[in-house]
PDB file of all heavy atoms in Angstrom:
ATOM      1  N   ALA A   1       6.976   1.898 -10.303  1.00  0.00           N
ATOM      2  CA  ALA A   1       7.465   3.255 -10.591  1.00  0.00           C
ATOM      3  C   ALA A   1       7.274   3.604 -12.064  1.00  0.00           C
ATOM      4  O   ALA A   1       7.455   2.757 -12.953  1.00  0.00           O
ATOM      5  CB  ALA A   1       8.939   3.372 -10.219  1.00  0.00           C
ATOM      6  N   VAL A   2       6.905   4.854 -12.314  1.00  0.00           N
ATOM      7  CA  VAL A   2       6.806   5.407 -13.670  1.00  0.00           C
ATOM      8  C   VAL A   2       7.541   6.742 -13.658  1.00  0.00           C
ATOM      9  O   VAL A   2       7.331   7.550 -12.750  1.00  0.00           O
ATOM     10  CB  VAL A   2       5.339   5.605 -14.099  1.00  0.00           C
ATOM     11  CG1 VAL A   2       5.275   6.124 -15.537  1.00  0.00           C
ATOM     12  CG2 VAL A   2       4.540   4.311 -13.966  1.00  0.00           C
ATOM     13  N   ASN A   3       8.415   6.949 -14.642  1.00  0.00           N
ATOM     14  CA  ASN A   3       9.259   8.154 -14.658  1.00  0.00           C
ATOM     15  C   ASN A   3      10.047   8.296 -13.358  1.00  0.00           C
ATOM     16  O   ASN A   3      10.221   9.388 -12.821  1.00  0.00           O
ATOM     17  CB  ASN A   3       8.415   9.415 -14.907  1.00  0.00           C
ATOM     18  CG  ASN A   3       7.761   9.395 -16.277  1.00  0.00           C
ATOM     19  OD1 ASN A   3       8.365   8.961 -17.255  1.00  0.00           O
ATOM     20  ND2 ASN A   3       6.521   9.825 -16.348  1.00  0.00           N
ATOM     21  N   LYS A   4      10.466   7.148 -12.831  1.00  0.00           N
ATOM     22  CA  LYS A   4      11.288   7.052 -11.609  1.00  0.00           C
ATOM     23  C   LYS A   4      10.541   7.485 -10.342  1.00  0.00           C
ATOM     24  O   LYS A   4      11.138   7.619  -9.279  1.00  0.00           O
ATOM     25  CB  LYS A   4      12.598   7.848 -11.744  1.00  0.00           C
ATOM     26  CG  LYS A   4      13.503   7.397 -12.874  1.00  0.00           C
ATOM     27  CD  LYS A   4      14.849   8.100 -12.816  1.00  0.00           C
ATOM     28  CE  LYS A   4      15.781   7.673 -13.929  1.00  0.00           C
ATOM     29  NZ  LYS A   4      15.416   8.210 -15.234  1.00  0.00           N
ATOM     30  N   GLU A   5       9.233   7.682 -10.430  1.00  0.00           N
ATOM     31  CA  GLU A   5       8.412   8.033  -9.271  1.00  0.00           C
ATOM     32  C   GLU A   5       7.527   6.844  -8.914  1.00  0.00           C
ATOM     33  O   GLU A   5       6.917   6.230  -9.801  1.00  0.00           O
ATOM     34  CB  GLU A   5       7.531   9.247  -9.573  1.00  0.00           C
ATOM     35  CG  GLU A   5       8.303  10.545  -9.768  1.00  0.00           C
ATOM     36  CD  GLU A   5       8.895  11.077  -8.474  1.00  0.00           C
ATOM     37  OE1 GLU A   5       8.252  10.907  -7.413  1.00  0.00           O
ATOM     38  OE2 GLU A   5       9.995  11.646  -8.516  1.00  0.00           O
ATOM     39  N   ILE A   6       7.431   6.533  -7.616  1.00  0.00           N
ATOM     40  CA  ILE A   6       6.632   5.383  -7.194  1.00  0.00           C
ATOM     41  C   ILE A   6       5.145   5.734  -7.268  1.00  0.00           C
ATOM     42  O   ILE A   6       4.691   6.679  -6.616  1.00  0.00           O
ATOM     43  CB  ILE A   6       7.004   4.932  -5.762  1.00  0.00           C
ATOM     44  CG1 ILE A   6       8.501   4.638  -5.656  1.00  0.00           C
ATOM     45  CG2 ILE A   6       6.201   3.680  -5.375  1.00  0.00           C
ATOM     46  CD1 ILE A   6       8.993   4.436  -4.237  1.00  0.00           C
ATOM     47  N   GLU A   7       4.417   4.987  -8.079  1.00  0.00           N
ATOM     48  CA  GLU A   7       2.972   5.203  -8.245  1.00  0.00           C
ATOM     49  C   GLU A   7       2.166   4.458  -7.183  1.00  0.00           C
ATOM     50  O   GLU A   7       1.141   4.950  -6.726  1.00  0.00           O
ATOM     51  CB  GLU A   7       2.528   4.755  -9.643  1.00  0.00           C
ATOM     52  CG  GLU A   7       2.907   5.708 -10.754  1.00  0.00           C
ATOM     53  CD  GLU A   7       2.106   7.008 -10.705  1.00  0.00           C
ATOM     54  OE1 GLU A   7       0.961   6.994 -10.212  1.00  0.00           O
ATOM     55  OE2 GLU A   7       2.642   8.038 -11.151  1.00  0.00           O
ATOM     56  N   PHE A   8       2.596   3.261  -6.833  1.00  0.00           N
ATOM     57  CA  PHE A   8       1.906   2.529  -5.779  1.00  0.00           C
ATOM     58  C   PHE A   8       2.839   1.514  -5.140  1.00  0.00           C
ATOM     59  O   PHE A   8       3.868   1.140  -5.706  1.00  0.00           O
ATOM     60  CB  PHE A   8       0.618   1.850  -6.286  1.00  0.00           C
ATOM     61  CG  PHE A   8       0.797   0.769  -7.324  1.00  0.00           C
ATOM     62  CD1 PHE A   8       1.245  -0.507  -6.985  1.00  0.00           C
ATOM     63  CD2 PHE A   8       0.467   1.009  -8.650  1.00  0.00           C
ATOM     64  CE1 PHE A   8       1.375  -1.508  -7.943  1.00  0.00           C
ATOM     65  CE2 PHE A   8       0.600   0.017  -9.616  1.00  0.00           C
ATOM     66  CZ  PHE A   8       1.056  -1.252  -9.265  1.00  0.00           C
ATOM     67  N   GLY A   9       2.460   1.105  -3.939  1.00  0.00           N
ATOM     68  CA  GLY A   9       3.223   0.097  -3.210  1.00  0.00           C
ATOM     69  C   GLY A   9       2.284  -0.910  -2.584  1.00  0.00           C
ATOM     70  O   GLY A   9       1.180  -0.555  -2.145  1.00  0.00           O
ATOM     71  N   ILE A  10       2.719  -2.158  -2.586  1.00  0.00           N
ATOM     72  CA  ILE A  10       1.954  -3.243  -1.965  1.00  0.00           C
ATOM     73  C   ILE A  10       2.915  -4.063  -1.108  1.00  0.00           C
ATOM     74  O   ILE A  10       3.977  -4.483  -1.583  1.00  0.00           O
ATOM     75  CB  ILE A  10       1.305  -4.150  -3.033  1.00  0.00           C
ATOM     76  CG1 ILE A  10       0.303  -3.349  -3.874  1.00  0.00           C
ATOM     77  CG2 ILE A  10       0.627  -5.361  -2.381  1.00  0.00           C
ATOM     78  CD1 ILE A  10      -0.159  -4.062  -5.119  1.00  0.00           C
ATOM     79  N   VAL A  11       2.568  -4.261   0.143  1.00  0.00           N
ATOM     80  CA  VAL A  11       3.353  -5.106   1.050  1.00  0.00           C
ATOM     81  C   VAL A  11       2.380  -6.070   1.723  1.00  0.00           C
ATOM     82  O   VAL A  11       1.432  -5.636   2.376  1.00  0.00           O
ATOM     83  CB  VAL A  11       4.106  -4.275   2.112  1.00  0.00           C
ATOM     84  CG1 VAL A  11       4.793  -5.194   3.130  1.00  0.00           C
ATOM     85  CG2 VAL A  11       5.130  -3.355   1.456  1.00  0.00           C
ATOM     86  N   TYR A  12       2.641  -7.356   1.554  1.00  0.00           N
ATOM     87  CA  TYR A  12       1.781  -8.362   2.171  1.00  0.00           C
ATOM     88  C   TYR A  12       2.571  -9.098   3.244  1.00  0.00           C
ATOM     89  O   TYR A  12       3.460  -9.888   2.939  1.00  0.00           O
ATOM     90  CB  TYR A  12       1.266  -9.331   1.115  1.00  0.00           C
ATOM     91  CG  TYR A  12       0.275 -10.366   1.627  1.00  0.00           C
ATOM     92  CD1 TYR A  12      -0.567 -10.093   2.703  1.00  0.00           C
ATOM     93  CD2 TYR A  12       0.175 -11.603   1.019  1.00  0.00           C
ATOM     94  CE1 TYR A  12      -1.472 -11.028   3.165  1.00  0.00           C
ATOM     95  CE2 TYR A  12      -0.743 -12.550   1.463  1.00  0.00           C
ATOM     96  CZ  TYR A  12      -1.564 -12.255   2.536  1.00  0.00           C
ATOM     97  OH  TYR A  12      -2.466 -13.185   2.991  1.00  0.00           O
ATOM     98  N   SER A  13       2.280  -8.783   4.507  1.00  0.00           N
ATOM     99  CA  SER A  13       2.886  -9.503   5.628  1.00  0.00           C
ATOM    100  C   SER A  13       2.084 -10.790   5.779  1.00  0.00           C
ATOM    101  O   SER A  13       1.042 -10.821   6.435  1.00  0.00           O
ATOM    102  CB  SER A  13       2.830  -8.646   6.902  1.00  0.00           C
ATOM    103  OG  SER A  13       3.470  -9.303   7.974  1.00  0.00           O
ATOM    104  N   CYS A  14       2.568 -11.846   5.116  1.00  0.00           N
ATOM    105  CA  CYS A  14       1.686 -12.971   4.815  1.00  0.00           C
ATOM    106  C   CYS A  14       1.430 -13.906   5.993  1.00  0.00           C
ATOM    107  O   CYS A  14       0.408 -14.596   6.005  1.00  0.00           O
ATOM    108  CB  CYS A  14       2.192 -13.737   3.599  1.00  0.00           C
ATOM    109  SG  CYS A  14       3.915 -14.178   3.646  1.00  0.00           S
ATOM    110  N   ILE A  15       2.301 -13.956   6.988  1.00  0.00           N
ATOM    111  CA  ILE A  15       2.011 -14.787   8.161  1.00  0.00           C
ATOM    112  C   ILE A  15       0.965 -14.079   9.039  1.00  0.00           C
ATOM    113  O   ILE A  15       0.048 -14.709   9.572  1.00  0.00           O
ATOM    114  CB  ILE A  15       3.294 -15.109   8.952  1.00  0.00           C
ATOM    115  CG1 ILE A  15       4.266 -15.881   8.052  1.00  0.00           C
ATOM    116  CG2 ILE A  15       2.978 -15.904  10.211  1.00  0.00           C
ATOM    117  CD1 ILE A  15       5.615 -16.151   8.678  1.00  0.00           C
ATOM    118  N   GLU A  16       1.093 -12.761   9.147  1.00  0.00           N
ATOM    119  CA  GLU A  16       0.093 -11.971   9.876  1.00  0.00           C
ATOM    120  C   GLU A  16      -1.207 -11.818   9.078  1.00  0.00           C
ATOM    121  O   GLU A  16      -2.226 -11.421   9.640  1.00  0.00           O
ATOM    122  CB  GLU A  16       0.615 -10.562  10.143  1.00  0.00           C
ATOM    123  CG  GLU A  16       1.848 -10.442  10.989  1.00  0.00           C
ATOM    124  CD  GLU A  16       2.185  -8.976  11.182  1.00  0.00           C
ATOM    125  OE1 GLU A  16       2.742  -8.357  10.256  1.00  0.00           O
ATOM    126  OE2 GLU A  16       1.875  -8.434  12.247  1.00  0.00           O
ATOM    127  N   ASP A  17      -1.142 -12.073   7.765  1.00  0.00           N
ATOM    128  CA  ASP A  17      -2.260 -11.844   6.842  1.00  0.00           C
ATOM    129  C   ASP A  17      -2.679 -10.375   6.859  1.00  0.00           C
ATOM    130  O   ASP A  17      -3.857 -10.032   6.959  1.00  0.00           O
ATOM    131  CB  ASP A  17      -3.452 -12.759   7.158  1.00  0.00           C
ATOM    132  CG  ASP A  17      -4.483 -12.780   6.017  1.00  0.00           C
ATOM    133  OD1 ASP A  17      -4.104 -12.488   4.867  1.00  0.00           O
ATOM    134  OD2 ASP A  17      -5.664 -13.090   6.287  1.00  0.00           O
ATOM    135  N   LYS A  18      -1.672  -9.497   6.746  1.00  0.00           N
ATOM    136  CA  LYS A  18      -1.928  -8.059   6.651  1.00  0.00           C
ATOM    137  C   LYS A  18      -1.464  -7.560   5.291  1.00  0.00           C
ATOM    138  O   LYS A  18      -0.275  -7.649   4.962  1.00  0.00           O
ATOM    139  CB  LYS A  18      -1.196  -7.299   7.769  1.00  0.00           C
ATOM    140  CG  LYS A  18      -1.785  -7.539   9.148  1.00  0.00           C
ATOM    141  CD  LYS A  18      -1.083  -6.704  10.202  1.00  0.00           C
ATOM    142  CE  LYS A  18      -1.745  -6.894  11.573  1.00  0.00           C
ATOM    143  NZ  LYS A  18      -1.052  -6.103  12.618  1.00  0.00           N
ATOM    144  N   LEU A  19      -2.402  -7.054   4.513  1.00  0.00           N
ATOM    145  CA  LEU A  19      -2.104  -6.552   3.175  1.00  0.00           C
ATOM    146  C   LEU A  19      -2.117  -5.024   3.214  1.00  0.00           C
ATOM    147  O   LEU A  19      -3.172  -4.406   3.380  1.00  0.00           O
ATOM    148  CB  LEU A  19      -3.134  -7.066   2.167  1.00  0.00           C
ATOM    149  CG  LEU A  19      -2.926  -6.597   0.726  1.00  0.00           C
ATOM    150  CD1 LEU A  19      -1.687  -7.275   0.115  1.00  0.00           C
ATOM    151  CD2 LEU A  19      -4.165  -6.881  -0.115  1.00  0.00           C
ATOM    152  N   TYR A  20      -0.930  -4.435   3.082  1.00  0.00           N
ATOM    153  CA  TYR A  20      -0.781  -2.982   3.069  1.00  0.00           C
ATOM    154  C   TYR A  20      -0.729  -2.496   1.625  1.00  0.00           C
ATOM    155  O   TYR A  20       0.008  -3.059   0.801  1.00  0.00           O
ATOM    156  CB  TYR A  20       0.509  -2.567   3.779  1.00  0.00           C
ATOM    157  CG  TYR A  20       0.579  -2.919   5.238  1.00  0.00           C
ATOM    158  CD1 TYR A  20       1.116  -4.132   5.667  1.00  0.00           C
ATOM    159  CD2 TYR A  20       0.131  -2.026   6.216  1.00  0.00           C
ATOM    160  CE1 TYR A  20       1.194  -4.452   7.020  1.00  0.00           C
ATOM    161  CE2 TYR A  20       0.207  -2.340   7.571  1.00  0.00           C
ATOM    162  CZ  TYR A  20       0.736  -3.552   7.959  1.00  0.00           C
ATOM    163  OH  TYR A  20       0.821  -3.864   9.288  1.00  0.00           O
ATOM    164  N   THR A  21      -1.497  -1.451   1.322  1.00  0.00           N
ATOM    165  CA  THR A  21      -1.526  -0.918  -0.042  1.00  0.00           C
ATOM    166  C   THR A  21      -1.529   0.603   0.000  1.00  0.00           C
ATOM    167  O   THR A  21      -2.056   1.208   0.940  1.00  0.00           O
ATOM    168  CB  THR A  21      -2.787  -1.392  -0.802  1.00  0.00           C
ATOM    169  OG1 THR A  21      -3.954  -0.996  -0.050  1.00  0.00           O
ATOM    170  CG2 THR A  21      -2.802  -2.899  -0.981  1.00  0.00           C
ATOM    171  N   ALA A  22      -0.950   1.206  -1.028  1.00  0.00           N
ATOM    172  CA  ALA A  22      -0.979   2.667  -1.147  1.00  0.00           C
ATOM    173  C   ALA A  22      -0.838   3.059  -2.606  1.00  0.00           C
ATOM    174  O   ALA A  22       0.029   2.535  -3.309  1.00  0.00           O
ATOM    175  CB  ALA A  22       0.134   3.309  -0.334  1.00  0.00           C
ATOM    176  N   ARG A  23      -1.690   3.967  -3.041  1.00  0.00           N
ATOM    177  CA  ARG A  23      -1.621   4.546  -4.381  1.00  0.00           C
ATOM    178  C   ARG A  23      -1.349   6.031  -4.224  1.00  0.00           C
ATOM    179  O   ARG A  23      -1.954   6.688  -3.359  1.00  0.00           O
ATOM    180  CB  ARG A  23      -2.957   4.307  -5.099  1.00  0.00           C
ATOM    181  CG  ARG A  23      -3.064   4.951  -6.462  1.00  0.00           C
ATOM    182  CD  ARG A  23      -2.286   4.194  -7.525  1.00  0.00           C
ATOM    183  NE  ARG A  23      -1.945   5.077  -8.625  1.00  0.00           N
ATOM    184  CZ  ARG A  23      -2.773   5.426  -9.601  1.00  0.00           C
ATOM    185  NH1 ARG A  23      -3.995   4.950  -9.613  1.00  0.00           N
ATOM    186  NH2 ARG A  23      -2.369   6.227 -10.563  1.00  0.00           N
ATOM    187  N   LYS A  24      -0.448   6.556  -5.037  1.00  0.00           N
ATOM    188  CA  LYS A  24      -0.044   7.958  -4.911  1.00  0.00           C
ATOM    189  C   LYS A  24      -1.260   8.885  -4.925  1.00  0.00           C
ATOM    190  O   LYS A  24      -2.062   8.851  -5.854  1.00  0.00           O
ATOM    191  CB  LYS A  24       0.922   8.337  -6.040  1.00  0.00           C
ATOM    192  CG  LYS A  24       1.546   9.715  -5.870  1.00  0.00           C
ATOM    193  CD  LYS A  24       2.761   9.898  -6.755  1.00  0.00           C
ATOM    194  CE  LYS A  24       2.389  10.099  -8.198  1.00  0.00           C
ATOM    195  NZ  LYS A  24       3.562  10.444  -9.028  1.00  0.00           N
ATOM    196  N   GLY A  25      -1.386   9.673  -3.849  1.00  0.00           N
ATOM    197  CA  GLY A  25      -2.473  10.638  -3.750  1.00  0.00           C
ATOM    198  C   GLY A  25      -3.783  10.083  -3.242  1.00  0.00           C
ATOM    199  O   GLY A  25      -4.772  10.819  -3.121  1.00  0.00           O
ATOM    200  N   LYS A  26      -3.816   8.785  -2.903  1.00  0.00           N
ATOM    201  CA  LYS A  26      -5.099   8.168  -2.525  1.00  0.00           C
ATOM    202  C   LYS A  26      -5.078   7.498  -1.148  1.00  0.00           C
ATOM    203  O   LYS A  26      -6.001   6.780  -0.783  1.00  0.00           O
ATOM    204  CB  LYS A  26      -5.520   7.169  -3.604  1.00  0.00           C
ATOM    205  CG  LYS A  26      -5.818   7.847  -4.938  1.00  0.00           C
ATOM    206  CD  LYS A  26      -6.468   6.913  -5.926  1.00  0.00           C
ATOM    207  CE  LYS A  26      -6.835   7.658  -7.203  1.00  0.00           C
ATOM    208  NZ  LYS A  26      -7.435   6.754  -8.208  1.00  0.00           N
ATOM    209  N   GLY A  27      -4.009   7.705  -0.375  1.00  0.00           N
ATOM    210  CA  GLY A  27      -3.977   7.183   0.983  1.00  0.00           C
ATOM    211  C   GLY A  27      -3.394   5.789   1.097  1.00  0.00           C
ATOM    212  O   GLY A  27      -3.103   5.128   0.093  1.00  0.00           O
ATOM    213  N   ALA A  28      -3.231   5.348   2.332  1.00  0.00           N
ATOM    214  CA  ALA A  28      -2.646   4.032   2.627  1.00  0.00           C
ATOM    215  C   ALA A  28      -3.645   3.219   3.432  1.00  0.00           C
ATOM    216  O   ALA A  28      -4.418   3.764   4.235  1.00  0.00           O
ATOM    217  CB  ALA A  28      -1.345   4.194   3.418  1.00  0.00           C
ATOM    218  N   PHE A  29      -3.586   1.889   3.226  1.00  0.00           N
ATOM    219  CA  PHE A  29      -4.576   1.000   3.824  1.00  0.00           C
ATOM    220  C   PHE A  29      -3.933  -0.295   4.301  1.00  0.00           C
ATOM    221  O   PHE A  29      -2.924  -0.736   3.744  1.00  0.00           O
ATOM    222  CB  PHE A  29      -5.678   0.673   2.802  1.00  0.00           C
ATOM    223  CG  PHE A  29      -6.406   1.886   2.295  1.00  0.00           C
ATOM    224  CD1 PHE A  29      -5.897   2.634   1.233  1.00  0.00           C
ATOM    225  CD2 PHE A  29      -7.580   2.301   2.902  1.00  0.00           C
ATOM    226  CE1 PHE A  29      -6.547   3.777   0.785  1.00  0.00           C
ATOM    227  CE2 PHE A  29      -8.245   3.444   2.456  1.00  0.00           C
ATOM    228  CZ  PHE A  29      -7.734   4.180   1.393  1.00  0.00           C
ATOM    229  N   CYS A  30      -4.531  -0.877   5.330  1.00  0.00           N
ATOM    230  CA  CYS A  30      -4.174  -2.227   5.761  1.00  0.00           C
ATOM    231  C   CYS A  30      -5.455  -3.047   5.767  1.00  0.00           C
ATOM    232  O   CYS A  30      -6.400  -2.727   6.506  1.00  0.00           O
ATOM    233  CB  CYS A  30      -3.539  -2.216   7.148  1.00  0.00           C
ATOM    234  SG  CYS A  30      -3.159  -3.878   7.762  1.00  0.00           S
ATOM    235  N   ASN A  31      -5.475  -4.074   4.942  1.00  0.00           N
ATOM    236  CA  ASN A  31      -6.682  -4.895   4.761  1.00  0.00           C
ATOM    237  C   ASN A  31      -7.908  -4.034   4.483  1.00  0.00           C
ATOM    238  O   ASN A  31      -9.006  -4.277   4.992  1.00  0.00           O
ATOM    239  CB  ASN A  31      -6.913  -5.799   5.976  1.00  0.00           C
ATOM    240  CG  ASN A  31      -5.847  -6.878   6.096  1.00  0.00           C
ATOM    241  OD1 ASN A  31      -5.104  -7.152   5.149  1.00  0.00           O
ATOM    242  ND2 ASN A  31      -5.764  -7.512   7.254  1.00  0.00           N
ATOM    243  N   GLY A  32      -7.687  -2.979   3.692  1.00  0.00           N
ATOM    244  CA  GLY A  32      -8.788  -2.122   3.262  1.00  0.00           C
ATOM    245  C   GLY A  32      -9.165  -1.016   4.224  1.00  0.00           C
ATOM    246  O   GLY A  32     -10.016  -0.173   3.912  1.00  0.00           O
ATOM    247  N   VAL A  33      -8.541  -0.980   5.401  1.00  0.00           N
ATOM    248  CA  VAL A  33      -8.843   0.049   6.403  1.00  0.00           C
ATOM    249  C   VAL A  33      -7.754   1.126   6.359  1.00  0.00           C
ATOM    250  O   VAL A  33      -6.557   0.813   6.368  1.00  0.00           O
ATOM    251  CB  VAL A  33      -8.921  -0.566   7.817  1.00  0.00           C
ATOM    252  CG1 VAL A  33      -9.193   0.513   8.858  1.00  0.00           C
ATOM    253  CG2 VAL A  33      -9.999  -1.651   7.873  1.00  0.00           C
ATOM    254  N   SER A  34      -8.157   2.379   6.316  1.00  0.00           N
ATOM    255  CA  SER A  34      -7.216   3.495   6.225  1.00  0.00           C
ATOM    256  C   SER A  34      -6.252   3.507   7.414  1.00  0.00           C
ATOM    257  O   SER A  34      -6.659   3.264   8.553  1.00  0.00           O
ATOM    258  CB  SER A  34      -7.985   4.815   6.185  1.00  0.00           C
ATOM    259  OG  SER A  34      -7.105   5.916   6.171  1.00  0.00           O
ATOM    260  N   ILE A  35      -4.971   3.746   7.141  1.00  0.00           N
ATOM    261  CA  ILE A  35      -3.964   3.830   8.203  1.00  0.00           C
ATOM    262  C   ILE A  35      -3.252   5.178   8.159  1.00  0.00           C
ATOM    263  O   ILE A  35      -3.147   5.811   7.109  1.00  0.00           O
ATOM    264  CB  ILE A  35      -2.925   2.685   8.130  1.00  0.00           C
ATOM    265  CG1 ILE A  35      -2.225   2.653   6.754  1.00  0.00           C
ATOM    266  CG2 ILE A  35      -3.579   1.349   8.443  1.00  0.00           C
ATOM    267  CD1 ILE A  35      -1.073   1.655   6.662  1.00  0.00           C
ATOM    268  N   LYS A  36      -2.767   5.598   9.324  1.00  0.00           N
ATOM    269  CA  LYS A  36      -2.046   6.864   9.459  1.00  0.00           C
ATOM    270  C   LYS A  36      -0.846   6.677  10.371  1.00  0.00           C
ATOM    271  O   LYS A  36      -0.882   5.858  11.291  1.00  0.00           O
ATOM    272  CB  LYS A  36      -2.952   7.952  10.063  1.00  0.00           C
ATOM    273  CG  LYS A  36      -4.104   8.382   9.174  1.00  0.00           C
ATOM    274  CD  LYS A  36      -3.635   9.232   8.023  1.00  0.00           C
ATOM    275  CE  LYS A  36      -4.786   9.692   7.146  1.00  0.00           C
ATOM    276  NZ  LYS A  36      -4.282  10.292   5.882  1.00  0.00           N
TER     277      LYS A  36
END
């Protein structure tokens, strides 16, 4: 977070080996594939 706003989030479900990522304004991904 910057200025109390979340800029990005990363969640790694490590037993499933699923890496979820999201950057503000740039979409969300799981292992590099866009998710909705």
